[in-house]
Amino acid sequence: MAMFMAGLAERVFQIRADSDQPLPFCLGTGTNSVYIPGHDLNWGLARWAQPLVNLLIDGVMGVVEFQCGRVLGRRYFRLQPLLPKPFALDDAAAVAELIEYAEQVNISSAVSWLSEFFG
C-alpha cells in the first residue's frame, strides 16, 4: 500500500482528480480489530514491543488508505474486510478458518466498482 501511494505521488501532477481513468483495485489482507484493555498500561518496552509494532503498521496503512481515497475519490477502491478476530500474518494453521470467513464476506461493493470501471 505504501508503495502504491509512493507511485501515486510520482504521478500526482499527471493525474487529475476528475479523470475517468481508474487506478488499480487494492486487495487487503483483512483488518485485525485490536483493543488493548486497561487504563494504566505501564508495561515497559519489552511488553509494548509487539502491540506497538502492530499499531504502527496499521496506522501507516490507514494513513495511506485515507490519502488514496482523498486524492482519487471514487476511482479508488480497497477491499479490506474486518476480520472476526485477530490473526497473525504467519499463522498457517488459520488458513482454513480464513478461507471459510472469506467465503462469507459481502463483496458486492467491490463487484459494483469493478463493473463500473472495467465492466
PDB file of N, CA and C in Angstrom:
ATOM      1  N   MET A   1       0.820  -1.184   0.000  1.00  0.00           N
ATOM      2  CA  MET A   1       0.000   0.000   0.000  1.00  0.00           C
ATOM      3  C   MET A   1       0.867   1.252   0.000  1.00  0.00           C
ATOM      4  N   ALA A   2       1.908   1.257   0.821  1.00  0.00           N
ATOM      5  CA  ALA A   2       2.786   2.431   0.857  1.00  0.00           C
ATOM      6  C   ALA A   2       3.467   2.621  -0.493  1.00  0.00           C
ATOM      7  N   MET A   3       3.810   1.510  -1.156  1.00  0.00           N
ATOM      8  CA  MET A   3       4.424   1.610  -2.485  1.00  0.00           C
ATOM      9  C   MET A   3       3.430   2.193  -3.486  1.00  0.00           C
ATOM     10  N   PHE A   4       2.157   1.827  -3.330  1.00  0.00           N
ATOM     11  CA  PHE A   4       1.118   2.365  -4.198  1.00  0.00           C
ATOM     12  C   PHE A   4       1.045   3.883  -4.034  1.00  0.00           C
ATOM     13  N   MET A   5       1.060   4.353  -2.786  1.00  0.00           N
ATOM     14  CA  MET A   5       0.990   5.793  -2.535  1.00  0.00           C
ATOM     15  C   MET A   5       2.241   6.484  -3.058  1.00  0.00           C
ATOM     16  N   ALA A   6       3.397   5.852  -2.945  1.00  0.00           N
ATOM     17  CA  ALA A   6       4.630   6.440  -3.472  1.00  0.00           C
ATOM     18  C   ALA A   6       4.534   6.574  -4.987  1.00  0.00           C
ATOM     19  N   GLY A   7       3.992   5.537  -5.645  1.00  0.00           N
ATOM     20  CA  GLY A   7       3.803   5.607  -7.090  1.00  0.00           C
ATOM     21  C   GLY A   7       2.822   6.695  -7.471  1.00  0.00           C
ATOM     22  N   LEU A   8       1.783   6.853  -6.687  1.00  0.00           N
ATOM     23  CA  LEU A   8       0.811   7.912  -6.934  1.00  0.00           C
ATOM     24  C   LEU A   8       1.461   9.283  -6.770  1.00  0.00           C
ATOM     25  N   ALA A   9       2.291   9.428  -5.772  1.00  0.00           N
ATOM     26  CA  ALA A   9       2.981  10.700  -5.559  1.00  0.00           C
ATOM     27  C   ALA A   9       3.866  11.052  -6.748  1.00  0.00           C
ATOM     28  N   GLU A  10       4.472  10.044  -7.359  1.00  0.00           N
ATOM     29  CA  GLU A  10       5.304  10.269  -8.543  1.00  0.00           C
ATOM     30  C   GLU A  10       4.487  10.858  -9.689  1.00  0.00           C
ATOM     31  N   ARG A  11       3.228  10.443  -9.765  1.00  0.00           N
ATOM     32  CA  ARG A  11       2.378  10.865 -10.881  1.00  0.00           C
ATOM     33  C   ARG A  11       1.387  11.953 -10.507  1.00  0.00           C
ATOM     34  N   VAL A  12       1.492  12.517  -9.332  1.00  0.00           N
ATOM     35  CA  VAL A  12       0.452  13.419  -8.836  1.00  0.00           C
ATOM     36  C   VAL A  12       0.147  14.573  -9.795  1.00  0.00           C
ATOM     37  N   PHE A  13       1.112  15.026 -10.533  1.00  0.00           N
ATOM     38  CA  PHE A  13       0.843  16.119 -11.449  1.00  0.00           C
ATOM     39  C   PHE A  13       0.349  15.629 -12.808  1.00  0.00           C
ATOM     40  N   GLN A  14       0.404  14.322 -13.036  1.00  0.00           N
ATOM     41  CA  GLN A  14      -0.095  13.747 -14.281  1.00  0.00           C
ATOM     42  C   GLN A  14      -1.538  13.274 -14.141  1.00  0.00           C
ATOM     43  N   ILE A  15      -2.032  13.071 -12.939  1.00  0.00           N
ATOM     44  CA  ILE A  15      -3.375  12.562 -12.699  1.00  0.00           C
ATOM     45  C   ILE A  15      -4.268  13.703 -12.225  1.00  0.00           C
ATOM     46  N   ARG A  16      -5.380  13.873 -12.884  1.00  0.00           N
ATOM     47  CA  ARG A  16      -6.347  14.877 -12.453  1.00  0.00           C
ATOM     48  C   ARG A  16      -7.393  14.194 -11.590  1.00  0.00           C
ATOM     49  N   ALA A  17      -7.839  14.870 -10.556  1.00  0.00           N
ATOM     50  CA  ALA A  17      -8.802  14.275  -9.631  1.00  0.00           C
ATOM     51  C   ALA A  17     -10.118  13.928 -10.319  1.00  0.00           C
ATOM     52  N   ASP A  18     -10.468  14.634 -11.393  1.00  0.00           N
ATOM     53  CA  ASP A  18     -11.740  14.376 -12.062  1.00  0.00           C
ATOM     54  C   ASP A  18     -11.585  13.454 -13.272  1.00  0.00           C
ATOM     55  N   SER A  19     -10.444  12.836 -13.424  1.00  0.00           N
ATOM     56  CA  SER A  19     -10.188  11.922 -14.528  1.00  0.00           C
ATOM     57  C   SER A  19     -11.107  10.708 -14.436  1.00  0.00           C
ATOM     58  N   ASP A  20     -11.433  10.115 -15.566  1.00  0.00           N
ATOM     59  CA  ASP A  20     -12.228   8.895 -15.574  1.00  0.00           C
ATOM     60  C   ASP A  20     -11.364   7.650 -15.486  1.00  0.00           C
ATOM     61  N   GLN A  21     -10.061   7.812 -15.529  1.00  0.00           N
ATOM     62  CA  GLN A  21      -9.146   6.665 -15.508  1.00  0.00           C
ATOM     63  C   GLN A  21      -9.066   6.091 -14.097  1.00  0.00           C
ATOM     64  N   PRO A  22      -9.498   4.828 -13.919  1.00  0.00           N
ATOM     65  CA  PRO A  22      -9.386   4.233 -12.583  1.00  0.00           C
ATOM     66  C   PRO A  22      -7.947   3.808 -12.309  1.00  0.00           C
ATOM     67  N   LEU A  23      -7.652   3.656 -11.060  1.00  0.00           N
ATOM     68  CA  LEU A  23      -6.349   3.146 -10.653  1.00  0.00           C
ATOM     69  C   LEU A  23      -6.539   1.718 -10.165  1.00  0.00           C
ATOM     70  N   PRO A  24      -5.468   1.006  -9.885  1.00  0.00           N
ATOM     71  CA  PRO A  24      -5.601  -0.415  -9.527  1.00  0.00           C
ATOM     72  C   PRO A  24      -6.533  -0.667  -8.346  1.00  0.00           C
ATOM     73  N   PHE A  25      -7.200  -1.774  -8.435  1.00  0.00           N
ATOM     74  CA  PHE A  25      -8.061  -2.283  -7.382  1.00  0.00           C
ATOM     75  C   PHE A  25      -7.147  -2.845  -6.292  1.00  0.00           C
ATOM     76  N   CYS A  26      -7.294  -2.404  -5.062  1.00  0.00           N
ATOM     77  CA  CYS A  26      -6.395  -2.813  -3.973  1.00  0.00           C
ATOM     78  C   CYS A  26      -7.043  -3.901  -3.122  1.00  0.00           C
ATOM     79  N   LEU A  27      -6.336  -4.987  -2.971  1.00  0.00           N
ATOM     80  CA  LEU A  27      -6.805  -6.087  -2.132  1.00  0.00           C
ATOM     81  C   LEU A  27      -5.997  -6.121  -0.843  1.00  0.00           C
ATOM     82  N   GLY A  28      -6.688  -6.010   0.274  1.00  0.00           N
ATOM     83  CA  GLY A  28      -6.023  -6.067   1.561  1.00  0.00           C
ATOM     84  C   GLY A  28      -6.020  -7.479   2.107  1.00  0.00           C
ATOM     85  N   THR A  29      -5.344  -7.671   3.193  1.00  0.00           N
ATOM     86  CA  THR A  29      -5.297  -8.984   3.845  1.00  0.00           C
ATOM     87  C   THR A  29      -6.288  -9.068   4.995  1.00  0.00           C
ATOM     88  N   GLY A  30      -7.097  -8.043   5.138  1.00  0.00           N
ATOM     89  CA  GLY A  30      -8.060  -8.002   6.234  1.00  0.00           C
ATOM     90  C   GLY A  30      -7.531  -7.136   7.363  1.00  0.00           C
ATOM     91  N   THR A  31      -8.447  -6.570   8.105  1.00  0.00           N
ATOM     92  CA  THR A  31      -8.091  -5.707   9.219  1.00  0.00           C
ATOM     93  C   THR A  31      -8.332  -6.436  10.524  1.00  0.00           C
ATOM     94  N   ASN A  32      -7.321  -6.472  11.372  1.00  0.00           N
ATOM     95  CA  ASN A  32      -7.474  -7.019  12.713  1.00  0.00           C
ATOM     96  C   ASN A  32      -7.940  -5.900  13.626  1.00  0.00           C
ATOM     97  N   SER A  33      -9.088  -6.080  14.237  1.00  0.00           N
ATOM     98  CA  SER A  33      -9.575  -5.104  15.196  1.00  0.00           C
ATOM     99  C   SER A  33      -8.916  -5.421  16.537  1.00  0.00           C
ATOM    100  N   VAL A  34      -8.088  -4.515  17.005  1.00  0.00           N
ATOM    101  CA  VAL A  34      -7.334  -4.777  18.235  1.00  0.00           C
ATOM    102  C   VAL A  34      -7.672  -3.719  19.272  1.00  0.00           C
ATOM    103  N   TYR A  35      -7.951  -4.175  20.461  1.00  0.00           N
ATOM    104  CA  TYR A  35      -8.211  -3.296  21.597  1.00  0.00           C
ATOM    105  C   TYR A  35      -7.281  -3.717  22.721  1.00  0.00           C
ATOM    106  N   ILE A  36      -6.585  -2.763  23.274  1.00  0.00           N
ATOM    107  CA  ILE A  36      -5.688  -3.054  24.398  1.00  0.00           C
ATOM    108  C   ILE A  36      -6.398  -2.562  25.655  1.00  0.00           C
ATOM    109  N   PRO A  37      -6.944  -3.483  26.451  1.00  0.00           N
ATOM    110  CA  PRO A  37      -7.723  -3.088  27.625  1.00  0.00           C
ATOM    111  C   PRO A  37      -6.838  -2.545  28.747  1.00  0.00           C
ATOM    112  N   GLY A  38      -7.446  -1.722  29.563  1.00  0.00           N
ATOM    113  CA  GLY A  38      -6.760  -1.207  30.739  1.00  0.00           C
ATOM    114  C   GLY A  38      -6.610   0.298  30.692  1.00  0.00           C
ATOM    115  N   HIS A  39      -6.307   0.853  31.849  1.00  0.00           N
ATOM    116  CA  HIS A  39      -6.129   2.302  31.952  1.00  0.00           C
ATOM    117  C   HIS A  39      -4.677   2.660  32.236  1.00  0.00           C
ATOM    118  N   ASP A  40      -4.015   1.891  33.046  1.00  0.00           N
ATOM    119  CA  ASP A  40      -2.625   2.158  33.408  1.00  0.00           C
ATOM    120  C   ASP A  40      -1.756   1.047  32.824  1.00  0.00           C
ATOM    121  N   LEU A  41      -1.310   1.251  31.603  1.00  0.00           N
ATOM    122  CA  LEU A  41      -0.549   0.217  30.903  1.00  0.00           C
ATOM    123  C   LEU A  41       0.946   0.537  30.953  1.00  0.00           C
ATOM    124  N   ASN A  42       1.482   0.555  32.142  1.00  0.00           N
ATOM    125  CA  ASN A  42       2.892   0.830  32.349  1.00  0.00           C
ATOM    126  C   ASN A  42       3.661  -0.484  32.212  1.00  0.00           C
ATOM    127  N   TRP A  43       3.719  -1.003  30.961  1.00  0.00           N
ATOM    128  CA  TRP A  43       4.279  -2.315  30.705  1.00  0.00           C
ATOM    129  C   TRP A  43       5.791  -2.314  30.527  1.00  0.00           C
ATOM    130  N   GLY A  44       6.344  -1.229  30.108  1.00  0.00           N
ATOM    131  CA  GLY A  44       7.761  -1.216  29.770  1.00  0.00           C
ATOM    132  C   GLY A  44       7.953  -1.601  28.311  1.00  0.00           C
ATOM    133  N   LEU A  45       9.127  -1.359  27.788  1.00  0.00           N
ATOM    134  CA  LEU A  45       9.413  -1.552  26.364  1.00  0.00           C
ATOM    135  C   LEU A  45       9.213  -2.995  25.902  1.00  0.00           C
ATOM    136  N   ALA A  46       9.656  -3.957  26.690  1.00  0.00           N
ATOM    137  CA  ALA A  46       9.578  -5.358  26.270  1.00  0.00           C
ATOM    138  C   ALA A  46       8.140  -5.801  26.027  1.00  0.00           C
ATOM    139  N   ARG A  47       7.242  -5.400  26.869  1.00  0.00           N
ATOM    140  CA  ARG A  47       5.850  -5.831  26.731  1.00  0.00           C
ATOM    141  C   ARG A  47       5.090  -5.002  25.693  1.00  0.00           C
ATOM    142  N   TRP A  48       5.509  -3.773  25.451  1.00  0.00           N
ATOM    143  CA  TRP A  48       4.852  -2.926  24.449  1.00  0.00           C
ATOM    144  C   TRP A  48       5.361  -3.210  23.043  1.00  0.00           C
ATOM    145  N   ALA A  49       6.480  -3.903  22.898  1.00  0.00           N
ATOM    146  CA  ALA A  49       7.113  -4.076  21.586  1.00  0.00           C
ATOM    147  C   ALA A  49       6.163  -4.652  20.548  1.00  0.00           C
ATOM    148  N   GLN A  50       5.535  -5.792  20.812  1.00  0.00           N
ATOM    149  CA  GLN A  50       4.661  -6.422  19.814  1.00  0.00           C
ATOM    150  C   GLN A  50       3.422  -5.589  19.521  1.00  0.00           C
ATOM    151  N   PRO A  51       2.656  -5.135  20.530  1.00  0.00           N
ATOM    152  CA  PRO A  51       1.480  -4.330  20.198  1.00  0.00           C
ATOM    153  C   PRO A  51       1.860  -3.023  19.493  1.00  0.00           C
ATOM    154  N   LEU A  52       2.986  -2.452  19.857  1.00  0.00           N
ATOM    155  CA  LEU A  52       3.398  -1.191  19.259  1.00  0.00           C
ATOM    156  C   LEU A  52       3.734  -1.359  17.781  1.00  0.00           C
ATOM    157  N   VAL A  53       4.422  -2.431  17.426  1.00  0.00           N
ATOM    158  CA  VAL A  53       4.745  -2.691  16.017  1.00  0.00           C
ATOM    159  C   VAL A  53       3.458  -2.820  15.208  1.00  0.00           C
ATOM    160  N   ASN A  54       2.509  -3.599  15.708  1.00  0.00           N
ATOM    161  CA  ASN A  54       1.241  -3.776  15.004  1.00  0.00           C
ATOM    162  C   ASN A  54       0.474  -2.461  14.875  1.00  0.00           C
ATOM    163  N   LEU A  55       0.446  -1.664  15.928  1.00  0.00           N
ATOM    164  CA  LEU A  55      -0.241  -0.373  15.886  1.00  0.00           C
ATOM    165  C   LEU A  55       0.402   0.564  14.869  1.00  0.00           C
ATOM    166  N   LEU A  56       1.720   0.576  14.805  1.00  0.00           N
ATOM    167  CA  LEU A  56       2.415   1.433  13.849  1.00  0.00           C
ATOM    168  C   LEU A  56       2.148   1.003  12.410  1.00  0.00           C
ATOM    169  N   ILE A  57       2.188  -0.285  12.139  1.00  0.00           N
ATOM    170  CA  ILE A  57       1.926  -0.787  10.780  1.00  0.00           C
ATOM    171  C   ILE A  57       0.493  -0.465  10.380  1.00  0.00           C
ATOM    172  N   ASP A  58      -0.464  -0.750  11.262  1.00  0.00           N
ATOM    173  CA  ASP A  58      -1.863  -0.462  10.953  1.00  0.00           C
ATOM    174  C   ASP A  58      -2.087   1.039  10.771  1.00  0.00           C
ATOM    175  N   GLY A  59      -1.415   1.843  11.565  1.00  0.00           N
ATOM    176  CA  GLY A  59      -1.555   3.296  11.447  1.00  0.00           C
ATOM    177  C   GLY A  59      -1.053   3.811  10.115  1.00  0.00           C
ATOM    178  N   VAL A  60       0.089   3.327   9.668  1.00  0.00           N
ATOM    179  CA  VAL A  60       0.635   3.733   8.378  1.00  0.00           C
ATOM    180  C   VAL A  60      -0.306   3.323   7.253  1.00  0.00           C
ATOM    181  N   MET A  61      -0.811   2.097   7.324  1.00  0.00           N
ATOM    182  CA  MET A  61      -1.741   1.630   6.300  1.00  0.00           C
ATOM    183  C   MET A  61      -3.000   2.488   6.270  1.00  0.00           C
ATOM    184  N   GLY A  62      -3.496   2.863   7.433  1.00  0.00           N
ATOM    185  CA  GLY A  62      -4.691   3.703   7.495  1.00  0.00           C
ATOM    186  C   GLY A  62      -4.457   5.067   6.877  1.00  0.00           C
ATOM    187  N   VAL A  63      -3.299   5.651   7.104  1.00  0.00           N
ATOM    188  CA  VAL A  63      -2.974   6.958   6.527  1.00  0.00           C
ATOM    189  C   VAL A  63      -2.904   6.868   5.012  1.00  0.00           C
ATOM    190  N   VAL A  64      -2.246   5.849   4.496  1.00  0.00           N
ATOM    191  CA  VAL A  64      -2.116   5.687   3.049  1.00  0.00           C
ATOM    192  C   VAL A  64      -3.487   5.466   2.424  1.00  0.00           C
ATOM    193  N   GLU A  65      -4.311   4.656   3.050  1.00  0.00           N
ATOM    194  CA  GLU A  65      -5.660   4.409   2.530  1.00  0.00           C
ATOM    195  C   GLU A  65      -6.467   5.708   2.515  1.00  0.00           C
ATOM    196  N   PHE A  66      -6.365   6.500   3.566  1.00  0.00           N
ATOM    197  CA  PHE A  66      -7.052   7.790   3.625  1.00  0.00           C
ATOM    198  C   PHE A  66      -6.567   8.710   2.512  1.00  0.00           C
ATOM    199  N   GLN A  67      -5.251   8.796   2.322  1.00  0.00           N
ATOM    200  CA  GLN A  67      -4.690   9.672   1.294  1.00  0.00           C
ATOM    201  C   GLN A  67      -5.148   9.263  -0.103  1.00  0.00           C
ATOM    202  N   CYS A  68      -5.108   7.977  -0.387  1.00  0.00           N
ATOM    203  CA  CYS A  68      -5.548   7.499  -1.705  1.00  0.00           C
ATOM    204  C   CYS A  68      -7.011   7.849  -1.932  1.00  0.00           C
ATOM    205  N   GLY A  69      -7.838   7.640  -0.920  1.00  0.00           N
ATOM    206  CA  GLY A  69      -9.254   7.963  -1.042  1.00  0.00           C
ATOM    207  C   GLY A  69      -9.498   9.445  -1.266  1.00  0.00           C
ATOM    208  N   ARG A  70      -8.750  10.284  -0.589  1.00  0.00           N
ATOM    209  CA  ARG A  70      -8.924  11.740  -0.739  1.00  0.00           C
ATOM    210  C   ARG A  70      -8.435  12.227  -2.093  1.00  0.00           C
ATOM    211  N   VAL A  71      -7.326  11.709  -2.560  1.00  0.00           N
ATOM    212  CA  VAL A  71      -6.759  12.163  -3.833  1.00  0.00           C
ATOM    213  C   VAL A  71      -7.557  11.609  -5.012  1.00  0.00           C
ATOM    214  N   LEU A  72      -7.958  10.366  -4.947  1.00  0.00           N
ATOM    215  CA  LEU A  72      -8.567   9.698  -6.091  1.00  0.00           C
ATOM    216  C   LEU A  72     -10.080   9.610  -6.044  1.00  0.00           C
ATOM    217  N   GLY A  73     -10.677   9.899  -4.904  1.00  0.00           N
ATOM    218  CA  GLY A  73     -12.131   9.868  -4.789  1.00  0.00           C
ATOM    219  C   GLY A  73     -12.712   8.509  -5.132  1.00  0.00           C
ATOM    220  N   ARG A  74     -13.771   8.512  -5.932  1.00  0.00           N
ATOM    221  CA  ARG A  74     -14.470   7.256  -6.236  1.00  0.00           C
ATOM    222  C   ARG A  74     -13.683   6.345  -7.168  1.00  0.00           C
ATOM    223  N   ARG A  75     -12.583   6.826  -7.730  1.00  0.00           N
ATOM    224  CA  ARG A  75     -11.750   5.983  -8.595  1.00  0.00           C
ATOM    225  C   ARG A  75     -10.868   5.037  -7.783  1.00  0.00           C
ATOM    226  N   TYR A  76     -10.890   5.183  -6.477  1.00  0.00           N
ATOM    227  CA  TYR A  76     -10.075   4.337  -5.595  1.00  0.00           C
ATOM    228  C   TYR A  76     -10.987   3.370  -4.850  1.00  0.00           C
ATOM    229  N   PHE A  77     -10.590   2.105  -4.805  1.00  0.00           N
ATOM    230  CA  PHE A  77     -11.344   1.110  -4.033  1.00  0.00           C
ATOM    231  C   PHE A  77     -10.363   0.141  -3.391  1.00  0.00           C
ATOM    232  N   ARG A  78     -10.594  -0.146  -2.136  1.00  0.00           N
ATOM    233  CA  ARG A  78      -9.775  -1.134  -1.426  1.00  0.00           C
ATOM    234  C   ARG A  78     -10.704  -2.114  -0.733  1.00  0.00           C
ATOM    235  N   LEU A  79     -10.518  -3.375  -1.020  1.00  0.00           N
ATOM    236  CA  LEU A  79     -11.262  -4.430  -0.346  1.00  0.00           C
ATOM    237  C   LEU A  79     -10.429  -4.867   0.853  1.00  0.00           C
ATOM    238  N   GLN A  80     -10.926  -4.541   2.044  1.00  0.00           N
ATOM    239  CA  GLN A  80     -10.180  -4.795   3.280  1.00  0.00           C
ATOM    240  C   GLN A  80     -11.184  -5.157   4.369  1.00  0.00           C
ATOM    241  N   PRO A  81     -11.660  -6.404   4.381  1.00  0.00           N
ATOM    242  CA  PRO A  81     -12.685  -6.760   5.368  1.00  0.00           C
ATOM    243  C   PRO A  81     -12.143  -6.772   6.797  1.00  0.00           C
ATOM    244  N   LEU A  82     -13.046  -6.490   7.716  1.00  0.00           N
ATOM    245  CA  LEU A  82     -12.711  -6.574   9.137  1.00  0.00           C
ATOM    246  C   LEU A  82     -12.762  -8.041   9.536  1.00  0.00           C
ATOM    247  N   LEU A  83     -11.665  -8.550  10.040  1.00  0.00           N
ATOM    248  CA  LEU A  83     -11.591  -9.959  10.426  1.00  0.00           C
ATOM    249  C   LEU A  83     -12.369 -10.185  11.725  1.00  0.00           C
ATOM    250  N   PRO A  84     -12.957 -11.371  11.900  1.00  0.00           N
ATOM    251  CA  PRO A  84     -13.775 -11.629  13.087  1.00  0.00           C
ATOM    252  C   PRO A  84     -12.974 -11.706  14.389  1.00  0.00           C
ATOM    253  N   LYS A  85     -11.672 -11.940  14.256  1.00  0.00           N
ATOM    254  CA  LYS A  85     -10.788 -11.987  15.422  1.00  0.00           C
ATOM    255  C   LYS A  85      -9.370 -11.747  14.911  1.00  0.00           C
ATOM    256  N   PRO A  86      -8.441 -11.400  15.784  1.00  0.00           N
ATOM    257  CA  PRO A  86      -7.062 -11.179  15.333  1.00  0.00           C
ATOM    258  C   PRO A  86      -6.405 -12.462  14.826  1.00  0.00           C
ATOM    259  N   PHE A  87      -5.707 -12.354  13.703  1.00  0.00           N
ATOM    260  CA  PHE A  87      -4.922 -13.454  13.140  1.00  0.00           C
ATOM    261  C   PHE A  87      -3.502 -12.956  12.933  1.00  0.00           C
ATOM    262  N   ALA A  88      -2.526 -13.771  13.272  1.00  0.00           N
ATOM    263  CA  ALA A  88      -1.134 -13.435  12.989  1.00  0.00           C
ATOM    264  C   ALA A  88      -0.884 -13.646  11.494  1.00  0.00           C
ATOM    265  N   LEU A  89      -0.055 -12.805  10.905  1.00  0.00           N
ATOM    266  CA  LEU A  89       0.230 -12.915   9.475  1.00  0.00           C
ATOM    267  C   LEU A  89       0.885 -14.243   9.109  1.00  0.00           C
ATOM    268  N   ASP A  90       1.580 -14.855  10.042  1.00  0.00           N
ATOM    269  CA  ASP A  90       2.290 -16.104   9.755  1.00  0.00           C
ATOM    270  C   ASP A  90       1.591 -17.334  10.342  1.00  0.00           C
ATOM    271  N   ASP A  91       0.302 -17.242  10.638  1.00  0.00           N
ATOM    272  CA  ASP A  91      -0.431 -18.345  11.249  1.00  0.00           C
ATOM    273  C   ASP A  91      -0.991 -19.270  10.172  1.00  0.00           C
ATOM    274  N   ALA A  92      -0.163 -20.200   9.707  1.00  0.00           N
ATOM    275  CA  ALA A  92      -0.565 -21.136   8.651  1.00  0.00           C
ATOM    276  C   ALA A  92      -1.715 -22.030   9.103  1.00  0.00           C
ATOM    277  N   ALA A  93      -1.835 -22.284  10.376  1.00  0.00           N
ATOM    278  CA  ALA A  93      -2.912 -23.137  10.887  1.00  0.00           C
ATOM    279  C   ALA A  93      -4.286 -22.472  10.739  1.00  0.00           C
ATOM    280  N   ALA A  94      -4.319 -21.175  10.530  1.00  0.00           N
ATOM    281  CA  ALA A  94      -5.585 -20.447  10.421  1.00  0.00           C
ATOM    282  C   ALA A  94      -6.111 -20.352   8.990  1.00  0.00           C
ATOM    283  N   VAL A  95      -5.397 -20.901   8.018  1.00  0.00           N
ATOM    284  CA  VAL A  95      -5.781 -20.756   6.614  1.00  0.00           C
ATOM    285  C   VAL A  95      -7.197 -21.259   6.354  1.00  0.00           C
ATOM    286  N   ALA A  96      -7.546 -22.426   6.835  1.00  0.00           N
ATOM    287  CA  ALA A  96      -8.887 -22.979   6.603  1.00  0.00           C
ATOM    288  C   ALA A  96      -9.967 -22.072   7.191  1.00  0.00           C
ATOM    289  N   GLU A  97      -9.723 -21.560   8.379  1.00  0.00           N
ATOM    290  CA  GLU A  97     -10.684 -20.652   9.026  1.00  0.00           C
ATOM    291  C   GLU A  97     -10.803 -19.341   8.242  1.00  0.00           C
ATOM    292  N   LEU A  98      -9.690 -18.834   7.743  1.00  0.00           N
ATOM    293  CA  LEU A  98      -9.720 -17.603   6.954  1.00  0.00           C
ATOM    294  C   LEU A  98     -10.459 -17.803   5.634  1.00  0.00           C
ATOM    295  N   ILE A  99     -10.272 -18.939   5.006  1.00  0.00           N
ATOM    296  CA  ILE A  99     -10.996 -19.237   3.761  1.00  0.00           C
ATOM    297  C   ILE A  99     -12.495 -19.293   4.033  1.00  0.00           C
ATOM    298  N   GLU A 100     -12.869 -19.963   5.113  1.00  0.00           N
ATOM    299  CA  GLU A 100     -14.281 -20.054   5.483  1.00  0.00           C
ATOM    300  C   GLU A 100     -14.868 -18.653   5.700  1.00  0.00           C
ATOM    301  N   TYR A 101     -14.135 -17.816   6.401  1.00  0.00           N
ATOM    302  CA  TYR A 101     -14.599 -16.444   6.634  1.00  0.00           C
ATOM    303  C   TYR A 101     -14.677 -15.665   5.314  1.00  0.00           C
ATOM    304  N   ALA A 102     -13.664 -15.801   4.470  1.00  0.00           N
ATOM    305  CA  ALA A 102     -13.621 -15.069   3.199  1.00  0.00           C
ATOM    306  C   ALA A 102     -14.821 -15.403   2.318  1.00  0.00           C
ATOM    307  N   GLU A 103     -15.268 -16.631   2.372  1.00  0.00           N
ATOM    308  CA  GLU A 103     -16.422 -17.035   1.574  1.00  0.00           C
ATOM    309  C   GLU A 103     -17.718 -16.387   2.043  1.00  0.00           C
ATOM    310  N   GLN A 104     -17.722 -15.819   3.248  1.00  0.00           N
ATOM    311  CA  GLN A 104     -18.909 -15.161   3.795  1.00  0.00           C
ATOM    312  C   GLN A 104     -18.877 -13.644   3.632  1.00  0.00           C
ATOM    313  N   VAL A 105     -17.740 -13.077   3.244  1.00  0.00           N
ATOM    314  CA  VAL A 105     -17.605 -11.627   3.136  1.00  0.00           C
ATOM    315  C   VAL A 105     -18.443 -11.104   1.974  1.00  0.00           C
ATOM    316  N   ASN A 106     -19.196 -10.049   2.228  1.00  0.00           N
ATOM    317  CA  ASN A 106     -20.007  -9.415   1.195  1.00  0.00           C
ATOM    318  C   ASN A 106     -19.086  -8.565   0.315  1.00  0.00           C
ATOM    319  N   ILE A 107     -18.939  -8.969  -0.941  1.00  0.00           N
ATOM    320  CA  ILE A 107     -18.059  -8.238  -1.855  1.00  0.00           C
ATOM    321  C   ILE A 107     -18.846  -7.488  -2.931  1.00  0.00           C
ATOM    322  N   SER A 108     -20.144  -7.259  -2.684  1.00  0.00           N
ATOM    323  CA  SER A 108     -20.981  -6.611  -3.698  1.00  0.00           C
ATOM    324  C   SER A 108     -20.486  -5.212  -4.057  1.00  0.00           C
ATOM    325  N   SER A 109     -19.970  -4.456  -3.089  1.00  0.00           N
ATOM    326  CA  SER A 109     -19.464  -3.114  -3.417  1.00  0.00           C
ATOM    327  C   SER A 109     -18.219  -3.206  -4.291  1.00  0.00           C
ATOM    328  N   ALA A 110     -17.389  -4.204  -4.078  1.00  0.00           N
ATOM    329  CA  ALA A 110     -16.197  -4.398  -4.916  1.00  0.00           C
ATOM    330  C   ALA A 110     -16.618  -4.795  -6.331  1.00  0.00           C
ATOM    331  N   VAL A 111     -17.596  -5.673  -6.447  1.00  0.00           N
ATOM    332  CA  VAL A 111     -18.086  -6.093  -7.760  1.00  0.00           C
ATOM    333  C   VAL A 111     -18.688  -4.904  -8.501  1.00  0.00           C
ATOM    334  N   SER A 112     -19.441  -4.074  -7.802  1.00  0.00           N
ATOM    335  CA  SER A 112     -20.032  -2.877  -8.419  1.00  0.00           C
ATOM    336  C   SER A 112     -18.961  -1.929  -8.929  1.00  0.00           C
ATOM    337  N   TRP A 113     -17.933  -1.700  -8.113  1.00  0.00           N
ATOM    338  CA  TRP A 113     -16.855  -0.796  -8.511  1.00  0.00           C
ATOM    339  C   TRP A 113     -16.121  -1.337  -9.729  1.00  0.00           C
ATOM    340  N   LEU A 114     -15.801  -2.624  -9.706  1.00  0.00           N
ATOM    341  CA  LEU A 114     -15.113  -3.250 -10.843  1.00  0.00           C
ATOM    342  C   LEU A 114     -15.975  -3.200 -12.091  1.00  0.00           C
ATOM    343  N   SER A 115     -17.283  -3.428 -11.954  1.00  0.00           N
ATOM    344  CA  SER A 115     -18.176  -3.367 -13.110  1.00  0.00           C
ATOM    345  C   SER A 115     -18.245  -1.965 -13.695  1.00  0.00           C
ATOM    346  N   GLU A 116     -18.265  -0.964 -12.815  1.00  0.00           N
ATOM    347  CA  GLU A 116     -18.337   0.431 -13.273  1.00  0.00           C
ATOM    348  C   GLU A 116     -17.110   0.817 -14.084  1.00  0.00           C
ATOM    349  N   PHE A 117     -15.941   0.462 -13.601  1.00  0.00           N
ATOM    350  CA  PHE A 117     -14.713   0.921 -14.257  1.00  0.00           C
ATOM    351  C   PHE A 117     -14.156  -0.054 -15.285  1.00  0.00           C
ATOM    352  N   PHE A 118     -14.435  -1.324 -15.123  1.00  0.00           N
ATOM    353  CA  PHE A 118     -13.841  -2.306 -16.030  1.00  0.00           C
ATOM    354  C   PHE A 118     -14.876  -3.159 -16.753  1.00  0.00           C
ATOM    355  N   GLY A 119     -16.193  -2.863 -16.481  1.00  0.00           N
ATOM    356  CA  GLY A 119     -17.292  -3.652 -16.998  1.00  0.00           C
ATOM    357  C   GLY A 119     -17.256  -3.896 -18.430  1.00  0.00           C
TER     358      GLY A 119
END
